[in-house]
Amino acid sequence: MSIFPTTILLATDGSRKAQLAATTAADLAQRTNSELHVATVGAGANQLPPWLPNYPAPFEDALREQRRQAE
């Protein structure tokens, strides 16, 4: 049994600090032969842009754009 993790989860919002965490997590995963799983986060419900109307179609478009940027 190893003292190293077998799975590492990285949550990122794309910020500068998150980029440092991503580099560190990728390096750790490589050195310990661990799987690296990445979860991206965007603006919370209380942080949605003011121009976004409260009905599904534009929300889905905004969500799709956030996913595209995260990739």
PDB file of N, CA and C in Angstrom:
ATOM      1  N   MET A   1       0.844  -1.182   0.000  1.00  0.00           N
ATOM      2  CA  MET A   1       0.000   0.000   0.000  1.00  0.00           C
ATOM      3  C   MET A   1       0.885   1.240   0.000  1.00  0.00           C
ATOM      4  N   SER A   2       0.558   2.181  -0.840  1.00  0.00           N
ATOM      5  CA  SER A   2       1.339   3.407  -0.979  1.00  0.00           C
ATOM      6  C   SER A   2       0.774   4.503  -0.088  1.00  0.00           C
ATOM      7  N   ILE A   3       1.649   5.410   0.333  1.00  0.00           N
ATOM      8  CA  ILE A   3       1.195   6.560   1.116  1.00  0.00           C
ATOM      9  C   ILE A   3       0.672   7.666   0.200  1.00  0.00           C
ATOM     10  N   PHE A   4       0.845   7.485  -1.106  1.00  0.00           N
ATOM     11  CA  PHE A   4       0.422   8.492  -2.058  1.00  0.00           C
ATOM     12  C   PHE A   4      -1.018   8.249  -2.506  1.00  0.00           C
ATOM     13  N   PRO A   5      -1.703   9.321  -2.902  1.00  0.00           N
ATOM     14  CA  PRO A   5      -3.087   9.157  -3.359  1.00  0.00           C
ATOM     15  C   PRO A   5      -3.135   8.418  -4.692  1.00  0.00           C
ATOM     16  N   THR A   6      -4.242   7.758  -4.942  1.00  0.00           N
ATOM     17  CA  THR A   6      -4.415   7.123  -6.250  1.00  0.00           C
ATOM     18  C   THR A   6      -5.298   7.966  -7.148  1.00  0.00           C
ATOM     19  N   THR A   7      -6.029   8.899  -6.553  1.00  0.00           N
ATOM     20  CA  THR A   7      -6.879   9.811  -7.309  1.00  0.00           C
ATOM     21  C   THR A   7      -6.760  11.200  -6.708  1.00  0.00           C
ATOM     22  N   ILE A   8      -6.582  12.183  -7.568  1.00  0.00           N
ATOM     23  CA  ILE A   8      -6.503  13.574  -7.136  1.00  0.00           C
ATOM     24  C   ILE A   8      -7.627  14.332  -7.823  1.00  0.00           C
ATOM     25  N   LEU A   9      -8.346  15.126  -7.049  1.00  0.00           N
ATOM     26  CA  LEU A   9      -9.417  15.950  -7.596  1.00  0.00           C
ATOM     27  C   LEU A   9      -8.982  17.401  -7.554  1.00  0.00           C
ATOM     28  N   LEU A  10      -9.004  18.051  -8.701  1.00  0.00           N
ATOM     29  CA  LEU A  10      -8.666  19.466  -8.811  1.00  0.00           C
ATOM     30  C   LEU A  10      -9.926  20.229  -9.204  1.00  0.00           C
ATOM     31  N   ALA A  11     -10.323  21.180  -8.381  1.00  0.00           N
ATOM     32  CA  ALA A  11     -11.430  22.078  -8.719  1.00  0.00           C
ATOM     33  C   ALA A  11     -10.811  23.399  -9.137  1.00  0.00           C
ATOM     34  N   THR A  12     -11.201  23.908 -10.289  1.00  0.00           N
ATOM     35  CA  THR A  12     -10.576  25.114 -10.802  1.00  0.00           C
ATOM     36  C   THR A  12     -11.607  26.097 -11.330  1.00  0.00           C
ATOM     37  N   ASP A  13     -11.283  27.381 -11.178  1.00  0.00           N
ATOM     38  CA  ASP A  13     -12.142  28.432 -11.727  1.00  0.00           C
ATOM     39  C   ASP A  13     -11.403  29.222 -12.805  1.00  0.00           C
ATOM     40  N   GLY A  14     -10.207  28.769 -13.156  1.00  0.00           N
ATOM     41  CA  GLY A  14      -9.438  29.418 -14.205  1.00  0.00           C
ATOM     42  C   GLY A  14      -8.643  30.624 -13.738  1.00  0.00           C
ATOM     43  N   SER A  15      -8.685  30.937 -12.456  1.00  0.00           N
ATOM     44  CA  SER A  15      -7.954  32.096 -11.941  1.00  0.00           C
ATOM     45  C   SER A  15      -6.450  31.812 -11.939  1.00  0.00           C
ATOM     46  N   ARG A  16      -5.677  32.846 -11.680  1.00  0.00           N
ATOM     47  CA  ARG A  16      -4.221  32.700 -11.646  1.00  0.00           C
ATOM     48  C   ARG A  16      -3.809  31.706 -10.552  1.00  0.00           C
ATOM     49  N   LYS A  17      -4.418  31.821  -9.382  1.00  0.00           N
ATOM     50  CA  LYS A  17      -4.098  30.885  -8.291  1.00  0.00           C
ATOM     51  C   LYS A  17      -4.515  29.467  -8.646  1.00  0.00           C
ATOM     52  N   ALA A  18      -5.635  29.327  -9.338  1.00  0.00           N
ATOM     53  CA  ALA A  18      -6.091  27.998  -9.745  1.00  0.00           C
ATOM     54  C   ALA A  18      -5.136  27.389 -10.768  1.00  0.00           C
ATOM     55  N   GLN A  19      -4.517  28.208 -11.601  1.00  0.00           N
ATOM     56  CA  GLN A  19      -3.547  27.703 -12.572  1.00  0.00           C
ATOM     57  C   GLN A  19      -2.330  27.129 -11.860  1.00  0.00           C
ATOM     58  N   LEU A  20      -1.899  27.777 -10.775  1.00  0.00           N
ATOM     59  CA  LEU A  20      -0.793  27.254  -9.980  1.00  0.00           C
ATOM     60  C   LEU A  20      -1.186  25.923  -9.345  1.00  0.00           C
ATOM     61  N   ALA A  21      -2.412  25.852  -8.828  1.00  0.00           N
ATOM     62  CA  ALA A  21      -2.897  24.599  -8.234  1.00  0.00           C
ATOM     63  C   ALA A  21      -2.956  23.497  -9.293  1.00  0.00           C
ATOM     64  N   ALA A  22      -3.353  23.841 -10.511  1.00  0.00           N
ATOM     65  CA  ALA A  22      -3.441  22.851 -11.586  1.00  0.00           C
ATOM     66  C   ALA A  22      -2.062  22.307 -11.936  1.00  0.00           C
ATOM     67  N   THR A  23      -1.087  23.175 -12.021  1.00  0.00           N
ATOM     68  CA  THR A  23       0.281  22.751 -12.319  1.00  0.00           C
ATOM     69  C   THR A  23       0.798  21.823 -11.216  1.00  0.00           C
ATOM     70  N   THR A  24       0.538  22.206  -9.982  1.00  0.00           N
ATOM     71  CA  THR A  24       0.971  21.399  -8.840  1.00  0.00           C
ATOM     72  C   THR A  24       0.278  20.044  -8.828  1.00  0.00           C
ATOM     73  N   ALA A  25      -1.036  20.038  -9.061  1.00  0.00           N
ATOM     74  CA  ALA A  25      -1.796  18.786  -9.063  1.00  0.00           C
ATOM     75  C   ALA A  25      -1.330  17.866 -10.189  1.00  0.00           C
ATOM     76  N   ALA A  26      -1.087  18.422 -11.364  1.00  0.00           N
ATOM     77  CA  ALA A  26      -0.623  17.610 -12.497  1.00  0.00           C
ATOM     78  C   ALA A  26       0.747  17.008 -12.202  1.00  0.00           C
ATOM     79  N   ASP A  27       1.626  17.800 -11.610  1.00  0.00           N
ATOM     80  CA  ASP A  27       2.962  17.307 -11.257  1.00  0.00           C
ATOM     81  C   ASP A  27       2.863  16.195 -10.213  1.00  0.00           C
ATOM     82  N   LEU A  28       2.049  16.411  -9.186  1.00  0.00           N
ATOM     83  CA  LEU A  28       1.873  15.408  -8.136  1.00  0.00           C
ATOM     84  C   LEU A  28       1.277  14.123  -8.707  1.00  0.00           C
ATOM     85  N   ALA A  29       0.290  14.254  -9.565  1.00  0.00           N
ATOM     86  CA  ALA A  29      -0.344  13.080 -10.178  1.00  0.00           C
ATOM     87  C   ALA A  29       0.665  12.286 -10.999  1.00  0.00           C
ATOM     88  N   GLN A  30       1.504  13.003 -11.729  1.00  0.00           N
ATOM     89  CA  GLN A  30       2.498  12.325 -12.559  1.00  0.00           C
ATOM     90  C   GLN A  30       3.544  11.616 -11.694  1.00  0.00           C
ATOM     91  N   ARG A  31       4.020  12.294 -10.655  1.00  0.00           N
ATOM     92  CA  ARG A  31       5.071  11.716  -9.809  1.00  0.00           C
ATOM     93  C   ARG A  31       4.578  10.534  -8.978  1.00  0.00           C
ATOM     94  N   THR A  32       3.291  10.517  -8.657  1.00  0.00           N
ATOM     95  CA  THR A  32       2.752   9.440  -7.818  1.00  0.00           C
ATOM     96  C   THR A  32       1.939   8.427  -8.615  1.00  0.00           C
ATOM     97  N   ASN A  33       1.913   8.593  -9.934  1.00  0.00           N
ATOM     98  CA  ASN A  33       1.152   7.708 -10.809  1.00  0.00           C
ATOM     99  C   ASN A  33      -0.323   7.651 -10.393  1.00  0.00           C
ATOM    100  N   SER A  34      -0.878   8.828 -10.081  1.00  0.00           N
ATOM    101  CA  SER A  34      -2.275   8.942  -9.663  1.00  0.00           C
ATOM    102  C   SER A  34      -3.133   9.454 -10.811  1.00  0.00           C
ATOM    103  N   GLU A  35      -4.426   9.157 -10.756  1.00  0.00           N
ATOM    104  CA  GLU A  35      -5.364   9.729 -11.713  1.00  0.00           C
ATOM    105  C   GLU A  35      -5.658  11.164 -11.293  1.00  0.00           C
ATOM    106  N   LEU A  36      -5.788  12.039 -12.269  1.00  0.00           N
ATOM    107  CA  LEU A  36      -6.134  13.434 -11.992  1.00  0.00           C
ATOM    108  C   LEU A  36      -7.508  13.711 -12.595  1.00  0.00           C
ATOM    109  N   HIS A  37      -8.449  14.094 -11.747  1.00  0.00           N
ATOM    110  CA  HIS A  37      -9.790  14.458 -12.182  1.00  0.00           C
ATOM    111  C   HIS A  37      -9.941  15.960 -12.005  1.00  0.00           C
ATOM    112  N   VAL A  38     -10.520  16.615 -12.985  1.00  0.00           N
ATOM    113  CA  VAL A  38     -10.650  18.067 -12.946  1.00  0.00           C
ATOM    114  C   VAL A  38     -12.121  18.462 -12.992  1.00  0.00           C
ATOM    115  N   ALA A  39     -12.506  19.347 -12.071  1.00  0.00           N
ATOM    116  CA  ALA A  39     -13.855  19.915 -12.052  1.00  0.00           C
ATOM    117  C   ALA A  39     -13.708  21.415 -12.223  1.00  0.00           C
ATOM    118  N   THR A  40     -14.475  21.978 -13.125  1.00  0.00           N
ATOM    119  CA  THR A  40     -14.426  23.420 -13.317  1.00  0.00           C
ATOM    120  C   THR A  40     -15.662  24.048 -12.696  1.00  0.00           C
ATOM    121  N   VAL A  41     -15.490  25.247 -12.216  1.00  0.00           N
ATOM    122  CA  VAL A  41     -16.598  25.976 -11.612  1.00  0.00           C
ATOM    123  C   VAL A  41     -16.711  27.335 -12.270  1.00  0.00           C
ATOM    124  N   GLY A  42     -17.940  27.811 -12.347  1.00  0.00           N
ATOM    125  CA  GLY A  42     -18.195  29.130 -12.913  1.00  0.00           C
ATOM    126  C   GLY A  42     -18.893  29.992 -11.888  1.00  0.00           C
ATOM    127  N   ALA A  43     -19.508  31.042 -12.355  1.00  0.00           N
ATOM    128  CA  ALA A  43     -20.221  31.950 -11.462  1.00  0.00           C
ATOM    129  C   ALA A  43     -21.365  31.210 -10.774  1.00  0.00           C
ATOM    130  N   GLY A  44     -21.559  31.489  -9.507  1.00  0.00           N
ATOM    131  CA  GLY A  44     -22.656  30.889  -8.759  1.00  0.00           C
ATOM    132  C   GLY A  44     -23.971  31.547  -9.150  1.00  0.00           C
ATOM    133  N   ALA A  45     -25.049  30.978  -8.689  1.00  0.00           N
ATOM    134  CA  ALA A  45     -26.377  31.499  -9.031  1.00  0.00           C
ATOM    135  C   ALA A  45     -26.538  32.951  -8.601  1.00  0.00           C
ATOM    136  N   ASN A  46     -25.909  33.313  -7.489  1.00  0.00           N
ATOM    137  CA  ASN A  46     -26.017  34.700  -7.033  1.00  0.00           C
ATOM    138  C   ASN A  46     -25.013  35.612  -7.733  1.00  0.00           C
ATOM    139  N   GLN A  47     -24.228  35.066  -8.659  1.00  0.00           N
ATOM    140  CA  GLN A  47     -23.239  35.851  -9.376  1.00  0.00           C
ATOM    141  C   GLN A  47     -23.473  35.847 -10.876  1.00  0.00           C
ATOM    142  N   LEU A  48     -24.672  35.481 -11.286  1.00  0.00           N
ATOM    143  CA  LEU A  48     -24.961  35.472 -12.715  1.00  0.00           C
ATOM    144  C   LEU A  48     -24.909  36.898 -13.249  1.00  0.00           C
ATOM    145  N   PRO A  49     -24.484  37.065 -14.481  1.00  0.00           N
ATOM    146  CA  PRO A  49     -24.418  38.408 -15.063  1.00  0.00           C
ATOM    147  C   PRO A  49     -25.782  39.082 -15.046  1.00  0.00           C
ATOM    148  N   PRO A  50     -25.826  40.395 -14.772  1.00  0.00           N
ATOM    149  CA  PRO A  50     -27.108  41.101 -14.681  1.00  0.00           C
ATOM    150  C   PRO A  50     -27.892  41.111 -15.988  1.00  0.00           C
ATOM    151  N   TRP A  51     -27.207  40.939 -17.123  1.00  0.00           N
ATOM    152  CA  TRP A  51     -27.881  40.966 -18.411  1.00  0.00           C
ATOM    153  C   TRP A  51     -28.586  39.653 -18.722  1.00  0.00           C
ATOM    154  N   LEU A  52     -28.363  38.615 -17.897  1.00  0.00           N
ATOM    155  CA  LEU A  52     -28.932  37.309 -18.181  1.00  0.00           C
ATOM    156  C   LEU A  52     -30.389  37.249 -17.729  1.00  0.00           C
ATOM    157  N   PRO A  53     -31.321  37.126 -18.653  1.00  0.00           N
ATOM    158  CA  PRO A  53     -32.739  37.044 -18.283  1.00  0.00           C
ATOM    159  C   PRO A  53     -33.034  35.774 -17.493  1.00  0.00           C
ATOM    160  N   ASN A  54     -34.155  35.761 -16.825  1.00  0.00           N
ATOM    161  CA  ASN A  54     -34.526  34.626 -15.990  1.00  0.00           C
ATOM    162  C   ASN A  54     -35.395  33.623 -16.737  1.00  0.00           C
ATOM    163  N   TYR A  55     -34.953  33.160 -17.853  1.00  0.00           N
ATOM    164  CA  TYR A  55     -35.657  32.079 -18.523  1.00  0.00           C
ATOM    165  C   TYR A  55     -34.628  31.156 -19.176  1.00  0.00           C
ATOM    166  N   PRO A  56     -34.965  29.891 -19.412  1.00  0.00           N
ATOM    167  CA  PRO A  56     -33.990  28.845 -19.725  1.00  0.00           C
ATOM    168  C   PRO A  56     -33.113  29.038 -20.953  1.00  0.00           C
ATOM    169  N   ALA A  57     -33.642  29.475 -22.067  1.00  0.00           N
ATOM    170  CA  ALA A  57     -32.837  29.486 -23.292  1.00  0.00           C
ATOM    171  C   ALA A  57     -31.544  30.301 -23.151  1.00  0.00           C
ATOM    172  N   PRO A  58     -31.579  31.578 -22.733  1.00  0.00           N
ATOM    173  CA  PRO A  58     -30.324  32.316 -22.577  1.00  0.00           C
ATOM    174  C   PRO A  58     -29.423  31.725 -21.499  1.00  0.00           C
ATOM    175  N   PHE A  59     -30.028  31.155 -20.441  1.00  0.00           N
ATOM    176  CA  PHE A  59     -29.225  30.535 -19.394  1.00  0.00           C
ATOM    177  C   PHE A  59     -28.449  29.358 -19.967  1.00  0.00           C
ATOM    178  N   GLU A  60     -29.118  28.535 -20.780  1.00  0.00           N
ATOM    179  CA  GLU A  60     -28.450  27.390 -21.401  1.00  0.00           C
ATOM    180  C   GLU A  60     -27.316  27.855 -22.309  1.00  0.00           C
ATOM    181  N   ASP A  61     -27.517  28.955 -23.043  1.00  0.00           N
ATOM    182  CA  ASP A  61     -26.456  29.498 -23.897  1.00  0.00           C
ATOM    183  C   ASP A  61     -25.266  29.939 -23.056  1.00  0.00           C
ATOM    184  N   ALA A  62     -25.530  30.616 -21.940  1.00  0.00           N
ATOM    185  CA  ALA A  62     -24.456  31.076 -21.053  1.00  0.00           C
ATOM    186  C   ALA A  62     -23.718  29.887 -20.446  1.00  0.00           C
ATOM    187  N   LEU A  63     -24.456  28.862 -20.061  1.00  0.00           N
ATOM    188  CA  LEU A  63     -23.851  27.671 -19.496  1.00  0.00           C
ATOM    189  C   LEU A  63     -22.968  26.973 -20.527  1.00  0.00           C
ATOM    190  N   ARG A  64     -23.441  26.883 -21.753  1.00  0.00           N
ATOM    191  CA  ARG A  64     -22.668  26.271 -22.835  1.00  0.00           C
ATOM    192  C   ARG A  64     -21.369  27.048 -23.065  1.00  0.00           C
ATOM    193  N   GLU A  65     -21.439  28.375 -23.018  1.00  0.00           N
ATOM    194  CA  GLU A  65     -20.249  29.210 -23.204  1.00  0.00           C
ATOM    195  C   GLU A  65     -19.258  29.022 -22.057  1.00  0.00           C
ATOM    196  N   GLN A  66     -19.750  28.911 -20.837  1.00  0.00           N
ATOM    197  CA  GLN A  66     -18.865  28.660 -19.700  1.00  0.00           C
ATOM    198  C   GLN A  66     -18.157  27.330 -19.852  1.00  0.00           C
ATOM    199  N   ARG A  67     -18.885  26.321 -20.314  1.00  0.00           N
ATOM    200  CA  ARG A  67     -18.266  25.002 -20.523  1.00  0.00           C
ATOM    201  C   ARG A  67     -17.203  25.079 -21.609  1.00  0.00           C
ATOM    202  N   ARG A  68     -17.485  25.839 -22.669  1.00  0.00           N
ATOM    203  CA  ARG A  68     -16.519  25.967 -23.759  1.00  0.00           C
ATOM    204  C   ARG A  68     -15.243  26.631 -23.243  1.00  0.00           C
ATOM    205  N   GLN A  69     -15.390  27.680 -22.445  1.00  0.00           N
ATOM    206  CA  GLN A  69     -14.224  28.382 -21.894  1.00  0.00           C
ATOM    207  C   GLN A  69     -13.443  27.476 -20.951  1.00  0.00           C
ATOM    208  N   ALA A  70     -14.144  26.647 -20.189  1.00  0.00           N
ATOM    209  CA  ALA A  70     -13.476  25.767 -19.241  1.00  0.00           C
ATOM    210  C   ALA A  70     -12.611  24.726 -19.968  1.00  0.00           C
ATOM    211  N   GLU A  71     -13.103  24.277 -21.119  1.00  0.00           N
ATOM    212  CA  GLU A  71     -12.336  23.279 -21.872  1.00  0.00           C
ATOM    213  C   GLU A  71     -11.051  23.878 -22.390  1.00  0.00           C
TER     214      GLU A  71
END
